[in-house]
PDB file of N, CA and C in Angstrom:
ATOM      1  N   MET A   1     163.776  34.178 -33.379  1.00  0.00           N
ATOM      2  CA  MET A   1     164.171  33.244 -32.361  1.00  0.00           C
ATOM      3  C   MET A   1     164.802  34.023 -31.208  1.00  0.00           C
ATOM      4  N   THR A   2     164.621  33.536 -29.994  1.00  0.00           N
ATOM      5  CA  THR A   2     165.202  34.173 -28.828  1.00  0.00           C
ATOM      6  C   THR A   2     165.981  33.148 -28.021  1.00  0.00           C
ATOM      7  N   ALA A   3     166.966  33.634 -27.298  1.00  0.00           N
ATOM      8  CA  ALA A   3     167.753  32.793 -26.400  1.00  0.00           C
ATOM      9  C   ALA A   3     168.035  33.612 -25.155  1.00  0.00           C
ATOM     10  N   THR A   4     168.239  32.931 -24.038  1.00  0.00           N
ATOM     11  CA  THR A   4     168.495  33.603 -22.777  1.00  0.00           C
ATOM     12  C   THR A   4     169.774  33.053 -22.158  1.00  0.00           C
ATOM     13  N   TYR A   5     170.605  33.972 -21.671  1.00  0.00           N
ATOM     14  CA  TYR A   5     171.870  33.603 -21.033  1.00  0.00           C
ATOM     15  C   TYR A   5     172.046  34.443 -19.780  1.00  0.00           C
ATOM     16  N   SER A   6     172.621  33.830 -18.758  1.00  0.00           N
ATOM     17  CA  SER A   6     172.996  34.611 -17.581  1.00  0.00           C
ATOM     18  C   SER A   6     174.201  35.467 -17.957  1.00  0.00           C
ATOM     19  N   LEU A   7     174.422  36.531 -17.194  1.00  0.00           N
ATOM     20  CA  LEU A   7     175.576  37.381 -17.464  1.00  0.00           C
ATOM     21  C   LEU A   7     176.872  36.577 -17.363  1.00  0.00           C
ATOM     22  N   ALA A   8     176.957  35.691 -16.387  1.00  0.00           N
ATOM     23  CA  ALA A   8     178.160  34.872 -16.223  1.00  0.00           C
ATOM     24  C   ALA A   8     178.383  33.985 -17.447  1.00  0.00           C
ATOM     25  N   GLU A   9     177.303  33.383 -17.938  1.00  0.00           N
ATOM     26  CA  GLU A   9     177.374  32.521 -19.124  1.00  0.00           C
ATOM     27  C   GLU A   9     177.763  33.324 -20.367  1.00  0.00           C
ATOM     28  N   ALA A  10     177.176  34.510 -20.505  1.00  0.00           N
ATOM     29  CA  ALA A  10     177.384  35.330 -21.702  1.00  0.00           C
ATOM     30  C   ALA A  10     178.779  35.937 -21.754  1.00  0.00           C
ATOM     31  N   ARG A  11     179.390  36.132 -20.613  1.00  0.00           N
ATOM     32  CA  ARG A  11     180.684  36.816 -20.543  1.00  0.00           C
ATOM     33  C   ARG A  11     181.697  36.185 -21.502  1.00  0.00           C
ATOM     34  N   GLY A  12     181.791  34.892 -21.521  1.00  0.00           N
ATOM     35  CA  GLY A  12     182.756  34.211 -22.384  1.00  0.00           C
ATOM     36  C   GLY A  12     182.287  34.013 -23.811  1.00  0.00           C
ATOM     37  N   LYS A  13     181.035  34.348 -24.093  1.00  0.00           N
ATOM     38  CA  LYS A  13     180.454  34.120 -25.421  1.00  0.00           C
ATOM     39  C   LYS A  13     179.988  35.398 -26.090  1.00  0.00           C
ATOM     40  N   LEU A  14     180.392  36.553 -25.572  1.00  0.00           N
ATOM     41  CA  LEU A  14     179.812  37.808 -26.042  1.00  0.00           C
ATOM     42  C   LEU A  14     179.969  38.003 -27.545  1.00  0.00           C
ATOM     43  N   GLY A  15     181.141  37.708 -28.088  1.00  0.00           N
ATOM     44  CA  GLY A  15     181.347  37.856 -29.534  1.00  0.00           C
ATOM     45  C   GLY A  15     180.371  37.006 -30.336  1.00  0.00           C
ATOM     46  N   ALA A  16     180.234  35.746 -29.950  1.00  0.00           N
ATOM     47  CA  ALA A  16     179.324  34.840 -30.650  1.00  0.00           C
ATOM     48  C   ALA A  16     177.877  35.293 -30.496  1.00  0.00           C
ATOM     49  N   LEU A  17     177.514  35.764 -29.290  1.00  0.00           N
ATOM     50  CA  LEU A  17     176.141  36.233 -29.067  1.00  0.00           C
ATOM     51  C   LEU A  17     175.854  37.481 -29.885  1.00  0.00           C
ATOM     52  N   ALA A  18     176.821  38.381 -29.982  1.00  0.00           N
ATOM     53  CA  ALA A  18     176.641  39.587 -30.793  1.00  0.00           C
ATOM     54  C   ALA A  18     176.447  39.220 -32.264  1.00  0.00           C
ATOM     55  N   ARG A  19     177.204  38.251 -32.742  1.00  0.00           N
ATOM     56  CA  ARG A  19     177.027  37.822 -34.150  1.00  0.00           C
ATOM     57  C   ARG A  19     175.648  37.201 -34.358  1.00  0.00           C
ATOM     58  N   ARG A  20     175.157  36.446 -33.381  1.00  0.00           N
ATOM     59  CA  ARG A  20     173.806  35.880 -33.494  1.00  0.00           C
ATOM     60  C   ARG A  20     172.768  36.992 -33.519  1.00  0.00           C
ATOM     61  N   ALA A  21     172.956  38.002 -32.663  1.00  0.00           N
ATOM     62  CA  ALA A  21     172.024  39.132 -32.646  1.00  0.00           C
ATOM     63  C   ALA A  21     172.049  39.862 -33.982  1.00  0.00           C
ATOM     64  N   ALA A  22     173.224  39.975 -34.588  1.00  0.00           N
ATOM     65  CA  ALA A  22     173.337  40.637 -35.889  1.00  0.00           C
ATOM     66  C   ALA A  22     172.559  39.890 -36.966  1.00  0.00           C
ATOM     67  N   ARG A  23     172.319  38.597 -36.750  1.00  0.00           N
ATOM     68  CA  ARG A  23     171.519  37.789 -37.684  1.00  0.00           C
ATOM     69  C   ARG A  23     170.042  37.753 -37.256  1.00  0.00           C
ATOM     70  N   HIS A  24     169.640  38.759 -36.487  1.00  0.00           N
ATOM     71  CA  HIS A  24     168.237  38.969 -36.086  1.00  0.00           C
ATOM     72  C   HIS A  24     167.731  37.966 -35.061  1.00  0.00           C
ATOM     73  N   GLU A  25     168.616  37.456 -34.228  1.00  0.00           N
ATOM     74  CA  GLU A  25     168.191  36.636 -33.091  1.00  0.00           C
ATOM     75  C   GLU A  25     168.246  37.524 -31.853  1.00  0.00           C
ATOM     76  N   ARG A  26     167.207  37.499 -31.061  1.00  0.00           N
ATOM     77  CA  ARG A  26     167.199  38.292 -29.828  1.00  0.00           C
ATOM     78  C   ARG A  26     167.840  37.469 -28.719  1.00  0.00           C
ATOM     79  N   ILE A  27     168.780  38.083 -28.040  1.00  0.00           N
ATOM     80  CA  ILE A  27     169.491  37.427 -26.951  1.00  0.00           C
ATOM     81  C   ILE A  27     169.199  38.210 -25.669  1.00  0.00           C
ATOM     82  N   THR A  28     168.574  37.545 -24.697  1.00  0.00           N
ATOM     83  CA  THR A  28     168.275  38.183 -23.419  1.00  0.00           C
ATOM     84  C   THR A  28     169.360  37.806 -22.414  1.00  0.00           C
ATOM     85  N   LEU A  29     169.886  38.811 -21.736  1.00  0.00           N
ATOM     86  CA  LEU A  29     170.900  38.603 -20.705  1.00  0.00           C
ATOM     87  C   LEU A  29     170.239  38.794 -19.350  1.00  0.00           C
ATOM     88  N   THR A  30     170.463  37.852 -18.435  1.00  0.00           N
ATOM     89  CA  THR A  30     169.831  37.915 -17.124  1.00  0.00           C
ATOM     90  C   THR A  30     170.871  37.993 -16.017  1.00  0.00           C
ATOM     91  N   ASP A  31     170.452  38.559 -14.899  1.00  0.00           N
ATOM     92  CA  ASP A  31     171.270  38.597 -13.693  1.00  0.00           C
ATOM     93  C   ASP A  31     170.434  37.965 -12.589  1.00  0.00           C
ATOM     94  N   ARG A  32     170.849  36.813 -12.138  1.00  0.00           N
ATOM     95  CA  ARG A  32     170.107  36.041 -11.136  1.00  0.00           C
ATOM     96  C   ARG A  32     168.673  35.772 -11.599  1.00  0.00           C
ATOM     97  N   GLY A  33     168.534  35.482 -12.886  1.00  0.00           N
ATOM     98  CA  GLY A  33     167.229  35.145 -13.447  1.00  0.00           C
ATOM     99  C   GLY A  33     166.374  36.325 -13.855  1.00  0.00           C
ATOM    100  N   VAL A  34     166.837  37.546 -13.585  1.00  0.00           N
ATOM    101  CA  VAL A  34     166.073  38.742 -13.926  1.00  0.00           C
ATOM    102  C   VAL A  34     166.608  39.326 -15.241  1.00  0.00           C
ATOM    103  N   PRO A  35     165.754  39.499 -16.257  1.00  0.00           N
ATOM    104  CA  PRO A  35     166.229  40.083 -17.514  1.00  0.00           C
ATOM    105  C   PRO A  35     166.842  41.463 -17.276  1.00  0.00           C
ATOM    106  N   MET A  36     168.067  41.667 -17.801  1.00  0.00           N
ATOM    107  CA  MET A  36     168.787  42.922 -17.603  1.00  0.00           C
ATOM    108  C   MET A  36     169.007  43.678 -18.913  1.00  0.00           C
ATOM    109  N   ALA A  37     169.162  42.944 -20.017  1.00  0.00           N
ATOM    110  CA  ALA A  37     169.447  43.571 -21.306  1.00  0.00           C
ATOM    111  C   ALA A  37     169.062  42.600 -22.411  1.00  0.00           C
ATOM    112  N   VAL A  38     168.857  43.166 -23.598  1.00  0.00           N
ATOM    113  CA  VAL A  38     168.558  42.352 -24.772  1.00  0.00           C
ATOM    114  C   VAL A  38     169.480  42.793 -25.895  1.00  0.00           C
ATOM    115  N   LEU A  39     170.143  41.835 -26.535  1.00  0.00           N
ATOM    116  CA  LEU A  39     170.957  42.126 -27.708  1.00  0.00           C
ATOM    117  C   LEU A  39     170.079  41.972 -28.941  1.00  0.00           C
ATOM    118  N   VAL A  40     170.036  42.998 -29.769  1.00  0.00           N
ATOM    119  CA  VAL A  40     169.298  42.952 -31.034  1.00  0.00           C
ATOM    120  C   VAL A  40     170.184  43.535 -32.124  1.00  0.00           C
ATOM    121  N   SER A  41     169.853  43.233 -33.355  1.00  0.00           N
ATOM    122  CA  SER A  41     170.630  43.778 -34.472  1.00  0.00           C
ATOM    123  C   SER A  41     170.380  45.274 -34.603  1.00  0.00           C
ATOM    124  N   PRO A  42     171.346  46.005 -35.146  1.00  0.00           N
ATOM    125  CA  PRO A  42     171.125  47.436 -35.371  1.00  0.00           C
ATOM    126  C   PRO A  42     169.899  47.706 -36.243  1.00  0.00           C
ATOM    127  N   ALA A  43     169.665  46.867 -37.239  1.00  0.00           N
ATOM    128  CA  ALA A  43     168.500  47.059 -38.115  1.00  0.00           C
ATOM    129  C   ALA A  43     167.201  46.890 -37.338  1.00  0.00           C
ATOM    130  N   GLU A  44     167.160  45.889 -36.444  1.00  0.00           N
ATOM    131  CA  GLU A  44     165.953  45.671 -35.657  1.00  0.00           C
ATOM    132  C   GLU A  44     165.730  46.833 -34.679  1.00  0.00           C
ATOM    133  N   LEU A  45     166.796  47.336 -34.082  1.00  0.00           N
ATOM    134  CA  LEU A  45     166.680  48.492 -33.197  1.00  0.00           C
ATOM    135  C   LEU A  45     166.136  49.698 -33.959  1.00  0.00           C
ATOM    136  N   GLU A  46     166.646  49.924 -35.153  1.00  0.00           N
ATOM    137  CA  GLU A  46     166.162  51.041 -35.965  1.00  0.00           C
ATOM    138  C   GLU A  46     164.675  50.879 -36.277  1.00  0.00           C
ATOM    139  N   ASP A  47     164.255  49.660 -36.621  1.00  0.00           N
ATOM    140  CA  ASP A  47     162.840  49.401 -36.896  1.00  0.00           C
ATOM    141  C   ASP A  47     161.983  49.664 -35.656  1.00  0.00           C
ATOM    142  N   LEU A  48     162.466  49.232 -34.497  1.00  0.00           N
ATOM    143  CA  LEU A  48     161.724  49.452 -33.250  1.00  0.00           C
ATOM    144  C   LEU A  48     161.607  50.945 -32.927  1.00  0.00           C
ATOM    145  N   GLU A  49     162.701  51.674 -33.143  1.00  0.00           N
ATOM    146  CA  GLU A  49     162.672  53.119 -32.891  1.00  0.00           C
ATOM    147  C   GLU A  49     161.725  53.824 -33.855  1.00  0.00           C
ATOM    148  N   ASP A  50     161.726  53.407 -35.120  1.00  0.00           N
ATOM    149  CA  ASP A  50     160.800  53.990 -36.096  1.00  0.00           C
ATOM    150  C   ASP A  50     159.349  53.698 -35.704  1.00  0.00           C
ATOM    151  N   ALA A  51     159.074  52.454 -35.280  1.00  0.00           N
ATOM    152  CA  ALA A  51     157.717  52.083 -34.880  1.00  0.00           C
ATOM    153  C   ALA A  51     157.272  52.893 -33.668  1.00  0.00           C
ATOM    154  N   LEU A  52     158.178  53.120 -32.733  1.00  0.00           N
ATOM    155  CA  LEU A  52     157.851  53.926 -31.559  1.00  0.00           C
ATOM    156  C   LEU A  52     157.550  55.371 -31.958  1.00  0.00           C
ATOM    157  N   ALA A  53     158.331  55.909 -32.872  1.00  0.00           N
ATOM    158  CA  ALA A  53     158.093  57.287 -33.333  1.00  0.00           C
ATOM    159  C   ALA A  53     156.727  57.399 -34.003  1.00  0.00           C
ATOM    160  N   ILE A  54     156.365  56.412 -34.799  1.00  0.00           N
ATOM    161  CA  ILE A  54     155.062  56.422 -35.469  1.00  0.00           C
ATOM    162  C   ILE A  54     153.938  56.312 -34.441  1.00  0.00           C
ATOM    163  N   ALA A  55     154.107  55.437 -33.446  1.00  0.00           N
ATOM    164  CA  ALA A  55     153.083  55.283 -32.405  1.00  0.00           C
ATOM    165  C   ALA A  55     152.901  56.582 -31.631  1.00  0.00           C
ATOM    166  N   ARG A  56     154.005  57.254 -31.330  1.00  0.00           N
ATOM    167  CA  ARG A  56     153.902  58.535 -30.617  1.00  0.00           C
ATOM    168  C   ARG A  56     153.205  59.581 -31.465  1.00  0.00           C
ATOM    169  N   LEU A  57     153.503  59.602 -32.750  1.00  0.00           N
ATOM    170  CA  LEU A  57     152.857  60.544 -33.656  1.00  0.00           C
ATOM    171  C   LEU A  57     151.354  60.283 -33.713  1.00  0.00           C
ATOM    172  N   GLU A  58     150.972  59.020 -33.848  1.00  0.00           N
ATOM    173  CA  GLU A  58     149.551  58.678 -33.902  1.00  0.00           C
ATOM    174  C   GLU A  58     148.852  59.037 -32.594  1.00  0.00           C
ATOM    175  N   ARG A  59     149.527  58.816 -31.460  1.00  0.00           N
ATOM    176  CA  ARG A  59     148.964  59.194 -30.160  1.00  0.00           C
ATOM    177  C   ARG A  59     148.757  60.700 -30.091  1.00  0.00           C
ATOM    178  N   ASP A  60     149.776  61.448 -30.502  1.00  0.00           N
ATOM    179  CA  ASP A  60     149.674  62.904 -30.459  1.00  0.00           C
ATOM    180  C   ASP A  60     148.571  63.413 -31.371  1.00  0.00           C
ATOM    181  N   ARG A  61     148.438  62.817 -32.534  1.00  0.00           N
ATOM    182  CA  ARG A  61     147.356  63.223 -33.441  1.00  0.00           C
ATOM    183  C   ARG A  61     145.997  62.930 -32.816  1.00  0.00           C
ATOM    184  N   ALA A  62     145.866  61.755 -32.194  1.00  0.00           N
ATOM    185  CA  ALA A  62     144.599  61.390 -31.565  1.00  0.00           C
ATOM    186  C   ALA A  62     144.254  62.335 -30.415  1.00  0.00           C
ATOM    187  N   LEU A  63     145.266  62.856 -29.755  1.00  0.00           N
ATOM    188  CA  LEU A  63     145.045  63.793 -28.646  1.00  0.00           C
ATOM    189  C   LEU A  63     144.968  65.238 -29.114  1.00  0.00           C
ATOM    190  N   GLY A  64     145.074  65.442 -30.421  1.00  0.00           N
ATOM    191  CA  GLY A  64     144.983  66.786 -30.975  1.00  0.00           C
ATOM    192  C   GLY A  64     146.254  67.599 -30.820  1.00  0.00           C
ATOM    193  N   ARG A  65     147.346  66.939 -30.516  1.00  0.00           N
ATOM    194  CA  ARG A  65     148.634  67.638 -30.362  1.00  0.00           C
ATOM    195  C   ARG A  65     149.419  67.524 -31.659  1.00  0.00           C
ATOM    196  N   THR A  66     149.098  68.386 -32.589  1.00  0.00           N
ATOM    197  CA  THR A  66     149.817  68.329 -33.859  1.00  0.00           C
ATOM    198  C   THR A  66     150.612  69.609 -34.051  1.00  0.00           C
ATOM    199  N   GLY A  67     151.752  69.444 -34.634  1.00  0.00           N
ATOM    200  CA  GLY A  67     152.598  70.590 -34.937  1.00  0.00           C
ATOM    201  C   GLY A  67     152.855  70.611 -36.433  1.00  0.00           C
ATOM    202  N   ALA A  68     153.755  71.456 -36.824  1.00  0.00           N
ATOM    203  CA  ALA A  68     154.123  71.506 -38.239  1.00  0.00           C
ATOM    204  C   ALA A  68     154.795  70.192 -38.630  1.00  0.00           C
ATOM    205  N   PRO A  69     154.484  69.669 -39.795  1.00  0.00           N
ATOM    206  CA  PRO A  69     155.105  68.416 -40.235  1.00  0.00           C
ATOM    207  C   PRO A  69     156.623  68.567 -40.353  1.00  0.00           C
ATOM    208  N   ILE A  70     157.317  67.491 -40.044  1.00  0.00           N
ATOM    209  CA  ILE A  70     158.778  67.462 -40.159  1.00  0.00           C
ATOM    210  C   ILE A  70     159.124  66.506 -41.291  1.00  0.00           C
ATOM    211  N   PRO A  71     159.964  66.922 -42.224  1.00  0.00           N
ATOM    212  CA  PRO A  71     160.374  66.013 -43.302  1.00  0.00           C
ATOM    213  C   PRO A  71     161.025  64.749 -42.719  1.00  0.00           C
ATOM    214  N   HIS A  72     160.844  63.632 -43.393  1.00  0.00           N
ATOM    215  CA  HIS A  72     161.327  62.333 -42.931  1.00  0.00           C
ATOM    216  C   HIS A  72     162.812  62.373 -42.578  1.00  0.00           C
ATOM    217  N   ASP A  73     163.635  62.914 -43.453  1.00  0.00           N
ATOM    218  CA  ASP A  73     165.079  62.959 -43.200  1.00  0.00           C
ATOM    219  C   ASP A  73     165.400  63.725 -41.927  1.00  0.00           C
ATOM    220  N   GLU A  74     164.689  64.808 -41.692  1.00  0.00           N
ATOM    221  CA  GLU A  74     164.913  65.608 -40.494  1.00  0.00           C
ATOM    222  C   GLU A  74     164.469  64.841 -39.247  1.00  0.00           C
ATOM    223  N   ALA A  75     163.334  64.163 -39.335  1.00  0.00           N
ATOM    224  CA  ALA A  75     162.843  63.370 -38.205  1.00  0.00           C
ATOM    225  C   ALA A  75     163.830  62.260 -37.863  1.00  0.00           C
ATOM    226  N   ARG A  76     164.350  61.577 -38.860  1.00  0.00           N
ATOM    227  CA  ARG A  76     165.315  60.504 -38.639  1.00  0.00           C
ATOM    228  C   ARG A  76     166.583  61.063 -37.990  1.00  0.00           C
ATOM    229  N   ARG A  77     167.045  62.234 -38.453  1.00  0.00           N
ATOM    230  CA  ARG A  77     168.242  62.855 -37.882  1.00  0.00           C
ATOM    231  C   ARG A  77     168.013  63.177 -36.402  1.00  0.00           C
ATOM    232  N   ILE A  78     166.846  63.715 -36.092  1.00  0.00           N
ATOM    233  CA  ILE A  78     166.514  64.052 -34.705  1.00  0.00           C
ATOM    234  C   ILE A  78     166.476  62.792 -33.845  1.00  0.00           C
ATOM    235  N   LEU A  79     165.826  61.751 -34.343  1.00  0.00           N
ATOM    236  CA  LEU A  79     165.733  60.506 -33.582  1.00  0.00           C
ATOM    237  C   LEU A  79     167.105  59.894 -33.351  1.00  0.00           C
ATOM    238  N   ARG A  80     167.950  59.910 -34.359  1.00  0.00           N
ATOM    239  CA  ARG A  80     169.298  59.361 -34.190  1.00  0.00           C
ATOM    240  C   ARG A  80     170.109  60.189 -33.211  1.00  0.00           C
ATOM    241  N   ALA A  81     169.955  61.503 -33.249  1.00  0.00           N
ATOM    242  CA  ALA A  81     170.673  62.371 -32.309  1.00  0.00           C
ATOM    243  C   ALA A  81     170.228  62.079 -30.876  1.00  0.00           C
ATOM    244  N   GLU A  82     168.932  61.867 -30.673  1.00  0.00           N
ATOM    245  CA  GLU A  82     168.413  61.538 -29.347  1.00  0.00           C
ATOM    246  C   GLU A  82     168.984  60.217 -28.882  1.00  0.00           C
ATOM    247  N   HIS A  83     169.091  59.249 -29.789  1.00  0.00           N
ATOM    248  CA  HIS A  83     169.634  57.930 -29.449  1.00  0.00           C
ATOM    249  C   HIS A  83     171.092  58.036 -29.015  1.00  0.00           C
ATOM    250  N   VAL A  84     171.881  58.859 -29.695  1.00  0.00           N
ATOM    251  CA  VAL A  84     173.296  59.019 -29.370  1.00  0.00           C
ATOM    252  C   VAL A  84     173.463  59.711 -28.025  1.00  0.00           C
ATOM    253  N   ASP A  85     172.549  60.623 -27.697  1.00  0.00           N
ATOM    254  CA  ASP A  85     172.635  61.379 -26.450  1.00  0.00           C
ATOM    255  C   ASP A  85     172.351  60.519 -25.214  1.00  0.00           C
ATOM    256  N   ARG A  86     171.742  59.362 -25.379  1.00  0.00           N
ATOM    257  CA  ARG A  86     171.374  58.525 -24.224  1.00  0.00           C
ATOM    258  C   ARG A  86     172.576  57.988 -23.573  1.00  0.00           C
TER     259      ARG A  86
END
């Protein structure tokens, strides 16, 4: 399920909106009707990041850009480190 709130509307409800996002509801925040941010649960973000990593790997394989395999734990550590650096 998704819901949309303006930044002004969300300001007073941020705690409640964060709890809804933690229950896997996507909350879109808008500024003058333009989507600015989306609140998602940490688990959903992790799933999205994993799916993106897999898509990039499949793209690289299709383009013949393959390197030495990286163990899953190491790949996850690298991805999390990149996420923290943003």
